[in-house]
Amino acid sequence: SQVSLEEESQQQPAVGHWKALMPSKGSEEELEPGCQDAGGVGEAPCTEQLNVSRLRSSSVEIREKGSEFLRDELHKAQKELKLKDKECERLSKVREQLEQELEELTASLFEEAHKMVREANTKQAVAEKQLREARGKIDMLQAEVTALKTLVITSTPSSPNRELHPQLQSPSRAGFRKGHGRNKSTSSALGAASLALAPEPGPRECREVDSILFAEFQAWKESPTLDKSCSFLDRIYREDVGPCLDFSKQELSQLVRVAVEQNTLTIEPVASQPLPVLQVAAEECGGPKKCALSGLTRTCKHRIMLGDSGSYYYISPSCRARITAVCNFFTYIRYIQQGLVRQDVELMFWEVMRLRREMCLAKLGFYPSEM
Protein backbone atom coordinates (compact mmCIF):
# COMPACT_ATOMS: atom_id res chain seq x y z
CA SER A 1 0.00 0.00 0.00
CA GLN A 2 2.90 2.33 0.78
CA VAL A 3 4.44 1.68 -2.65
CA SER A 4 1.18 2.48 -4.41
CA LEU A 5 0.84 5.73 -2.44
CA GLU A 6 4.39 6.79 -3.41
CA GLU A 7 3.72 6.06 -7.08
CA GLU A 8 0.54 8.11 -6.97
CA SER A 9 2.34 11.00 -5.26
CA GLN A 10 5.06 10.95 -7.90
CA GLN A 11 2.57 10.93 -10.75
CA GLN A 12 0.24 13.59 -9.36
CA PRO A 13 2.52 16.68 -9.93
CA ALA A 14 2.23 16.17 -13.70
CA VAL A 15 -1.51 16.69 -13.35
CA GLY A 16 -2.61 20.26 -12.92
CA HIS A 17 -5.47 19.63 -10.55
CA TRP A 18 -3.38 20.60 -7.51
CA LYS A 19 -3.27 24.21 -8.64
CA ALA A 20 -6.80 24.72 -7.56
CA LEU A 21 -5.82 24.12 -3.94
CA MET A 22 -5.95 27.24 -1.85
CA PRO A 23 -2.87 27.80 0.26
CA SER A 24 -3.42 28.21 3.95
CA LYS A 25 -2.39 31.27 5.85
CA GLY A 26 0.59 29.56 7.32
CA SER A 27 1.75 28.52 3.91
CA GLU A 28 1.41 32.05 2.55
CA GLU A 29 3.59 33.30 5.35
CA GLU A 30 6.13 30.68 4.61
CA LEU A 31 6.47 31.77 0.99
CA GLU A 32 9.81 33.11 0.10
CA PRO A 33 10.12 36.85 -0.11
CA GLY A 34 11.39 36.54 -3.64
CA CYS A 35 8.16 34.95 -4.76
CA GLN A 36 6.12 37.76 -3.14
CA ASP A 37 8.27 40.48 -4.60
CA ALA A 38 8.30 38.97 -8.04
CA GLY A 39 4.59 39.38 -8.28
CA GLY A 40 2.99 37.63 -11.14
CA VAL A 41 6.24 36.61 -12.82
CA GLY A 42 7.51 34.05 -10.18
CA GLU A 43 4.08 32.99 -8.94
CA ALA A 44 3.80 29.84 -11.06
CA PRO A 45 7.13 28.19 -10.07
CA CYS A 46 6.59 28.94 -6.40
CA THR A 47 3.14 27.42 -6.50
CA GLU A 48 4.46 24.26 -8.09
CA GLN A 49 7.18 23.94 -5.45
CA LEU A 50 4.61 24.46 -2.73
CA ASN A 51 2.36 21.79 -4.17
CA VAL A 52 5.24 19.32 -4.39
CA SER A 53 6.23 19.93 -0.79
CA ARG A 54 2.64 19.51 0.32
CA LEU A 55 2.32 16.28 -1.61
CA ARG A 56 5.50 14.97 -0.08
CA SER A 57 4.42 15.86 3.43
CA SER A 58 0.96 14.39 2.88
CA SER A 59 2.46 11.21 1.42
CA VAL A 60 4.74 10.89 4.45
CA GLU A 61 1.82 11.41 6.77
CA ILE A 62 -0.28 8.92 4.82
CA ARG A 63 2.59 6.44 4.83
CA GLU A 64 3.05 6.80 8.61
CA LYS A 65 -0.68 6.52 9.28
CA GLY A 66 -0.94 3.55 6.94
CA SER A 67 1.98 1.80 8.55
CA GLU A 68 0.55 2.53 12.00
CA PHE A 69 -2.85 1.27 10.91
CA LEU A 70 -1.27 -1.83 9.46
CA ARG A 71 0.70 -2.43 12.63
CA ASP A 72 -2.49 -2.12 14.67
CA GLU A 73 -4.28 -4.53 12.36
CA LEU A 74 -1.31 -6.90 12.55
CA HIS A 75 -1.40 -6.83 16.34
CA LYS A 76 -5.12 -7.43 16.32
CA ALA A 77 -4.73 -10.31 13.87
CA GLN A 78 -1.94 -11.82 15.99
CA LYS A 79 -4.10 -11.56 19.11
CA GLU A 80 -7.00 -13.16 17.31
CA LEU A 81 -4.74 -15.92 16.03
CA LYS A 82 -3.47 -16.58 19.57
CA LEU A 83 -7.03 -16.73 20.86
CA LYS A 84 -8.02 -19.04 18.03
CA ASP A 85 -4.98 -21.24 18.72
CA LYS A 86 -5.99 -21.49 22.37
CA GLU A 87 -9.56 -22.25 21.37
CA CYS A 88 -8.38 -24.88 18.90
CA GLU A 89 -6.18 -26.45 21.56
CA ARG A 90 -9.06 -26.48 24.02
CA LEU A 91 -11.40 -27.99 21.45
CA SER A 92 -8.78 -30.61 20.58
CA LYS A 93 -8.54 -31.62 24.25
CA VAL A 94 -12.32 -31.76 24.48
CA ARG A 95 -12.45 -33.90 21.35
CA GLU A 96 -9.78 -36.28 22.70
CA GLN A 97 -11.62 -36.55 26.00
CA LEU A 98 -14.91 -37.24 24.22
CA GLU A 99 -13.28 -39.86 22.01
CA GLN A 100 -11.78 -41.57 25.06
CA GLU A 101 -15.10 -41.50 26.90
CA LEU A 102 -16.84 -42.83 23.81
CA GLU A 103 -14.37 -45.71 23.55
CA GLU A 104 -14.79 -46.55 27.23
CA LEU A 105 -18.57 -46.36 26.92
CA THR A 106 -18.52 -48.58 23.85
CA ALA A 107 -16.29 -51.11 25.58
CA SER A 108 -18.50 -51.14 28.69
CA LEU A 109 -21.63 -51.52 26.56
CA PHE A 110 -20.15 -54.46 24.68
CA GLU A 111 -19.03 -56.06 27.92
CA GLU A 112 -22.46 -55.56 29.47
CA ALA A 113 -24.12 -56.96 26.36
CA HIS A 114 -21.89 -60.06 26.43
CA LYS A 115 -22.61 -60.46 30.13
CA MET A 116 -26.35 -60.23 29.56
CA VAL A 117 -26.13 -62.77 26.75
CA ARG A 118 -24.17 -65.18 28.96
CA GLU A 119 -26.66 -64.78 31.79
CA ALA A 120 -29.56 -65.29 29.42
CA ASN A 121 -27.98 -68.46 28.02
CA THR A 122 -27.32 -69.75 31.53
CA LYS A 123 -30.88 -69.02 32.63
CA GLN A 124 -32.23 -70.65 29.50
CA ALA A 125 -30.16 -73.78 30.10
CA VAL A 126 -31.31 -73.94 33.74
CA ALA A 127 -34.93 -73.39 32.72
CA GLU A 128 -34.74 -76.12 30.10
CA LYS A 129 -33.19 -78.49 32.63
CA GLN A 130 -35.89 -77.68 35.17
CA LEU A 131 -38.54 -78.16 32.51
CA ARG A 132 -37.20 -81.61 31.65
CA GLU A 133 -37.05 -82.54 35.33
CA ALA A 134 -40.55 -81.21 35.92
CA ARG A 135 -41.93 -83.21 33.01
CA GLY A 136 -40.20 -86.33 34.31
CA LYS A 137 -41.61 -85.75 37.79
CA ILE A 138 -45.08 -85.13 36.36
CA ASP A 139 -44.97 -88.42 34.49
CA MET A 140 -43.70 -90.18 37.58
CA LEU A 141 -46.37 -88.63 39.80
CA GLN A 142 -49.11 -89.49 37.33
CA ALA A 143 -47.99 -93.12 37.35
CA GLU A 144 -47.83 -93.13 41.14
CA VAL A 145 -51.28 -91.55 41.44
CA THR A 146 -52.66 -94.22 39.14
CA ALA A 147 -51.02 -96.91 41.27
CA LEU A 148 -52.39 -95.35 44.45
CA LYS A 149 -55.90 -95.21 43.07
CA THR A 150 -55.63 -98.86 42.17
CA LEU A 151 -53.92 -100.09 45.33
CA VAL A 152 -54.44 -97.76 48.28
CA ILE A 153 -57.84 -96.21 47.75
CA THR A 154 -59.52 -99.50 46.84
CA SER A 155 -58.20 -101.28 49.94
CA THR A 156 -60.64 -101.44 52.86
CA PRO A 157 -60.74 -103.69 55.94
CA SER A 158 -63.77 -105.54 54.60
CA SER A 159 -62.27 -106.09 51.13
CA PRO A 160 -58.48 -105.67 51.32
CA ASN A 161 -56.49 -105.26 48.15
CA ARG A 162 -54.33 -108.34 47.65
CA GLU A 163 -51.72 -106.34 45.71
CA LEU A 164 -51.30 -104.03 48.69
CA HIS A 165 -51.11 -106.87 51.24
CA PRO A 166 -48.73 -109.58 49.97
CA GLN A 167 -49.48 -111.80 52.95
CA LEU A 168 -52.92 -112.48 51.45
CA GLN A 169 -51.47 -113.76 48.18
CA SER A 170 -50.26 -117.24 47.36
CA PRO A 171 -46.58 -117.90 48.18
CA SER A 172 -45.58 -118.17 44.51
CA ARG A 173 -47.21 -114.90 43.53
CA ALA A 174 -46.00 -113.12 46.66
CA GLY A 175 -42.44 -114.15 45.88
CA PHE A 176 -42.84 -112.87 42.34
CA ARG A 177 -43.90 -109.41 43.61
CA LYS A 178 -40.88 -108.96 45.86
CA GLY A 179 -38.02 -106.70 44.84
CA HIS A 180 -37.33 -103.07 44.29
CA GLY A 181 -39.25 -102.20 41.15
CA ARG A 182 -38.27 -98.48 40.92
CA ASN A 183 -35.00 -96.62 40.55
CA LYS A 184 -36.06 -93.42 42.30
CA SER A 185 -36.30 -93.17 46.06
CA THR A 186 -39.96 -92.13 45.72
CA SER A 187 -41.31 -95.65 45.28
CA SER A 188 -45.04 -96.14 45.07
CA ALA A 189 -47.25 -98.03 47.47
CA LEU A 190 -46.73 -101.09 45.31
CA GLY A 191 -42.99 -100.91 46.00
CA ALA A 192 -43.72 -100.43 49.68
CA ALA A 193 -45.82 -103.54 49.73
CA SER A 194 -43.36 -105.60 47.73
CA LEU A 195 -40.50 -104.90 50.16
CA ALA A 196 -42.11 -106.53 53.17
CA LEU A 197 -39.22 -107.93 55.16
CA ALA A 198 -41.34 -110.06 57.47
CA PRO A 199 -44.79 -111.59 57.18
CA GLU A 200 -47.69 -109.37 58.12
CA PRO A 201 -49.59 -110.14 61.31
CA GLY A 202 -51.91 -113.05 60.59
CA PRO A 203 -55.59 -113.01 61.32
CA ARG A 204 -54.98 -114.69 64.68
CA GLU A 205 -52.26 -112.28 65.75
CA CYS A 206 -53.46 -109.68 68.20
CA ARG A 207 -52.60 -106.00 67.81
CA GLU A 208 -53.01 -103.15 70.24
CA VAL A 209 -52.76 -99.46 69.42
CA ASP A 210 -50.24 -97.53 71.50
CA SER A 211 -52.13 -94.51 72.79
CA ILE A 212 -49.10 -92.19 72.82
CA LEU A 213 -47.99 -93.08 69.28
CA PHE A 214 -51.56 -92.90 68.00
CA ALA A 215 -52.12 -89.48 69.61
CA GLU A 216 -48.93 -88.18 68.04
CA PHE A 217 -50.00 -89.55 64.64
CA GLN A 218 -53.48 -88.02 64.96
CA ALA A 219 -51.97 -84.63 65.83
CA TRP A 220 -49.68 -84.86 62.82
CA LYS A 221 -52.55 -86.00 60.57
CA GLU A 222 -54.52 -82.83 61.38
CA SER A 223 -51.82 -80.73 59.68
CA PRO A 224 -49.38 -83.10 57.93
CA THR A 225 -45.91 -81.71 57.35
CA LEU A 226 -42.43 -83.04 56.63
CA ASP A 227 -40.87 -80.85 59.30
CA LYS A 228 -39.12 -83.18 61.71
CA SER A 229 -39.65 -80.79 64.62
CA CYS A 230 -43.13 -82.25 65.28
CA SER A 231 -43.34 -84.97 67.91
CA PHE A 232 -44.51 -87.67 65.48
CA LEU A 233 -41.64 -87.33 63.01
CA ASP A 234 -39.11 -86.45 65.68
CA ARG A 235 -39.71 -89.81 67.37
CA ILE A 236 -39.44 -91.71 64.07
CA TYR A 237 -36.24 -89.84 63.15
CA ARG A 238 -34.68 -90.73 66.51
CA GLU A 239 -35.87 -94.33 66.73
CA ASP A 240 -35.96 -95.52 63.10
CA VAL A 241 -34.67 -93.21 60.36
CA GLY A 242 -31.48 -92.14 62.11
CA PRO A 243 -30.31 -95.64 63.15
CA CYS A 244 -31.38 -97.14 59.81
CA LEU A 245 -29.24 -94.68 57.82
CA ASP A 246 -26.29 -94.75 60.20
CA PHE A 247 -23.45 -96.44 58.28
CA SER A 248 -19.73 -96.75 58.85
CA LYS A 249 -18.93 -93.94 56.39
CA GLN A 250 -20.43 -91.08 58.37
CA GLU A 251 -19.94 -88.36 55.75
CA LEU A 252 -21.54 -90.38 52.97
CA SER A 253 -24.31 -91.47 55.35
CA GLN A 254 -25.20 -87.84 55.99
CA LEU A 255 -25.35 -87.16 52.24
CA VAL A 256 -27.59 -90.19 51.72
CA ARG A 257 -29.91 -89.03 54.48
CA VAL A 258 -30.23 -85.56 52.97
CA ALA A 259 -30.90 -87.04 49.51
CA VAL A 260 -33.61 -89.33 50.89
CA GLU A 261 -35.29 -86.43 52.68
CA GLN A 262 -35.15 -84.26 49.55
CA ASN A 263 -36.32 -87.13 47.32
CA THR A 264 -33.24 -86.89 45.05
CA LEU A 265 -31.69 -90.35 45.55
CA THR A 266 -31.57 -92.85 42.68
CA ILE A 267 -31.02 -96.63 42.96
CA GLU A 268 -30.29 -98.69 39.88
CA PRO A 269 -28.92 -102.16 39.16
CA VAL A 270 -25.25 -102.36 38.28
CA ALA A 271 -25.65 -104.83 35.41
CA SER A 272 -28.14 -102.67 33.49
CA GLN A 273 -25.84 -99.66 33.19
CA PRO A 274 -22.22 -99.31 31.96
CA LEU A 275 -19.62 -98.38 34.48
CA PRO A 276 -19.47 -94.57 34.78
CA VAL A 277 -16.43 -92.37 35.13
CA LEU A 278 -16.12 -91.84 38.86
CA GLN A 279 -15.62 -88.27 40.03
CA VAL A 280 -14.42 -89.09 43.55
CA ALA A 281 -11.86 -91.43 45.05
CA ALA A 282 -12.31 -95.14 44.49
CA GLU A 283 -12.36 -95.96 48.18
CA GLU A 284 -15.27 -93.60 48.68
CA CYS A 285 -17.32 -94.96 45.79
CA GLY A 286 -16.58 -98.58 46.53
CA GLY A 287 -16.87 -101.08 43.72
CA PRO A 288 -18.74 -104.19 42.57
CA LYS A 289 -17.04 -106.09 45.38
CA LYS A 290 -16.94 -103.39 48.06
CA CYS A 291 -19.78 -101.44 49.66
CA ALA A 292 -19.23 -97.66 49.77
CA LEU A 293 -21.44 -97.19 52.86
CA SER A 294 -20.29 -100.01 55.11
CA GLY A 295 -16.77 -100.37 53.73
CA LEU A 296 -17.12 -104.17 53.83
CA THR A 297 -16.28 -106.56 51.03
CA ARG A 298 -19.67 -107.52 49.65
CA THR A 299 -21.14 -108.29 46.24
CA CYS A 300 -22.82 -105.05 45.21
CA LYS A 301 -25.66 -105.53 42.75
CA HIS A 302 -26.92 -101.96 42.98
CA ARG A 303 -25.52 -98.47 43.11
CA ILE A 304 -26.92 -95.09 44.15
CA MET A 305 -26.54 -91.54 42.84
CA LEU A 306 -27.14 -88.48 45.03
CA GLY A 307 -29.05 -85.84 43.06
CA ASP A 308 -27.37 -84.80 39.80
CA SER A 309 -23.81 -85.20 41.06
CA GLY A 310 -22.98 -87.85 38.45
CA SER A 311 -21.07 -89.93 41.04
CA TYR A 312 -22.21 -93.48 41.69
CA TYR A 313 -21.73 -95.40 44.96
CA TYR A 314 -21.91 -99.17 45.05
CA ILE A 315 -23.98 -100.55 47.93
CA SER A 316 -24.50 -104.00 49.36
CA PRO A 317 -27.95 -105.69 49.55
CA SER A 318 -28.19 -104.92 53.26
CA CYS A 319 -27.55 -101.20 52.74
CA ARG A 320 -30.01 -101.16 49.86
CA ALA A 321 -32.69 -102.73 52.07
CA ARG A 322 -32.12 -100.09 54.76
CA ILE A 323 -32.26 -97.20 52.28
CA THR A 324 -35.33 -98.65 50.56
CA ALA A 325 -37.18 -99.05 53.86
CA VAL A 326 -36.63 -95.40 54.73
CA CYS A 327 -37.63 -94.32 51.21
CA ASN A 328 -40.87 -96.31 51.46
CA PHE A 329 -41.72 -94.59 54.74
CA PHE A 330 -41.12 -91.09 53.34
CA THR A 331 -43.11 -91.95 50.20
CA TYR A 332 -46.15 -92.98 52.25
CA ILE A 333 -46.16 -89.92 54.51
CA ARG A 334 -45.76 -87.71 51.43
CA TYR A 335 -48.86 -89.32 49.97
CA ILE A 336 -50.72 -88.62 53.20
CA GLN A 337 -49.53 -85.01 53.15
CA GLN A 338 -50.73 -84.59 49.54
CA GLY A 339 -54.13 -86.08 50.37
CA LEU A 340 -53.76 -89.13 48.12
CA VAL A 341 -54.44 -91.70 50.85
CA ARG A 342 -58.16 -91.86 51.66
CA GLN A 343 -58.33 -94.39 54.47
CA ASP A 344 -59.37 -94.43 58.05
CA VAL A 345 -56.90 -92.86 60.47
CA GLU A 346 -56.34 -96.15 62.27
CA LEU A 347 -55.54 -97.97 59.02
CA MET A 348 -53.05 -95.31 58.06
CA PHE A 349 -51.52 -95.57 61.54
CA TRP A 350 -51.02 -99.33 61.17
CA GLU A 351 -49.46 -98.85 57.73
CA VAL A 352 -47.00 -96.39 59.29
CA MET A 353 -46.24 -98.92 62.03
CA ARG A 354 -45.62 -101.59 59.38
CA LEU A 355 -43.16 -99.31 57.59
CA ARG A 356 -41.45 -98.60 60.91
CA ARG A 357 -41.13 -102.32 61.51
CA GLU A 358 -39.49 -102.69 58.09
CA MET A 359 -36.93 -100.04 59.05
CA CYS A 360 -36.26 -101.80 62.36
CA LEU A 361 -35.72 -105.17 60.67
CA ALA A 362 -33.52 -103.63 57.98
CA LYS A 363 -31.27 -101.89 60.46
CA LEU A 364 -30.90 -105.20 62.33
CA GLY A 365 -29.66 -106.84 59.12
CA PHE A 366 -32.78 -108.70 57.92
CA TYR A 367 -33.55 -108.34 54.22
CA PRO A 368 -35.04 -110.51 51.45
CA SER A 369 -32.67 -112.76 49.57
CA GLU A 370 -33.78 -111.23 46.25
CA MET A 371 -31.85 -108.07 47.14
Foldseek 3Di string as FASTA:
>chain_A
DLVVLVVCLVPVLVDPPVLVDDDDPVVVVVQDPVCVVVPPPNVVVSSSVVSNVVSVVVSVVVSVVVVVVVVVVVVVVVVVVVVVVVVVVVVVVVVVVVVVVVVVVVVVVVVVVVVVVVVVVVVVVVVVVVVVVVVVVVVVVVVQLVVCVVAFQPADPVRGDCLLQVLPDDPVVLVVQADQPFFFLLDHSSNVNNFQLDHDDDPPDDDDDDPVLLVQLVVCLVQPDLDCPRPNNVVCVVPFVVLLLCEPPRVVSVLLSVLLSVRQKTKDFPVVDDDFDAPDDCQCQDDCQAFNGHRDGHRFGMWMDRHPPRHIHTHHPLNVQSSSLSSSLVNLSVCSNVVSRPYDSVVSSVSNVSSRVSRVCSSVPGGDPVD
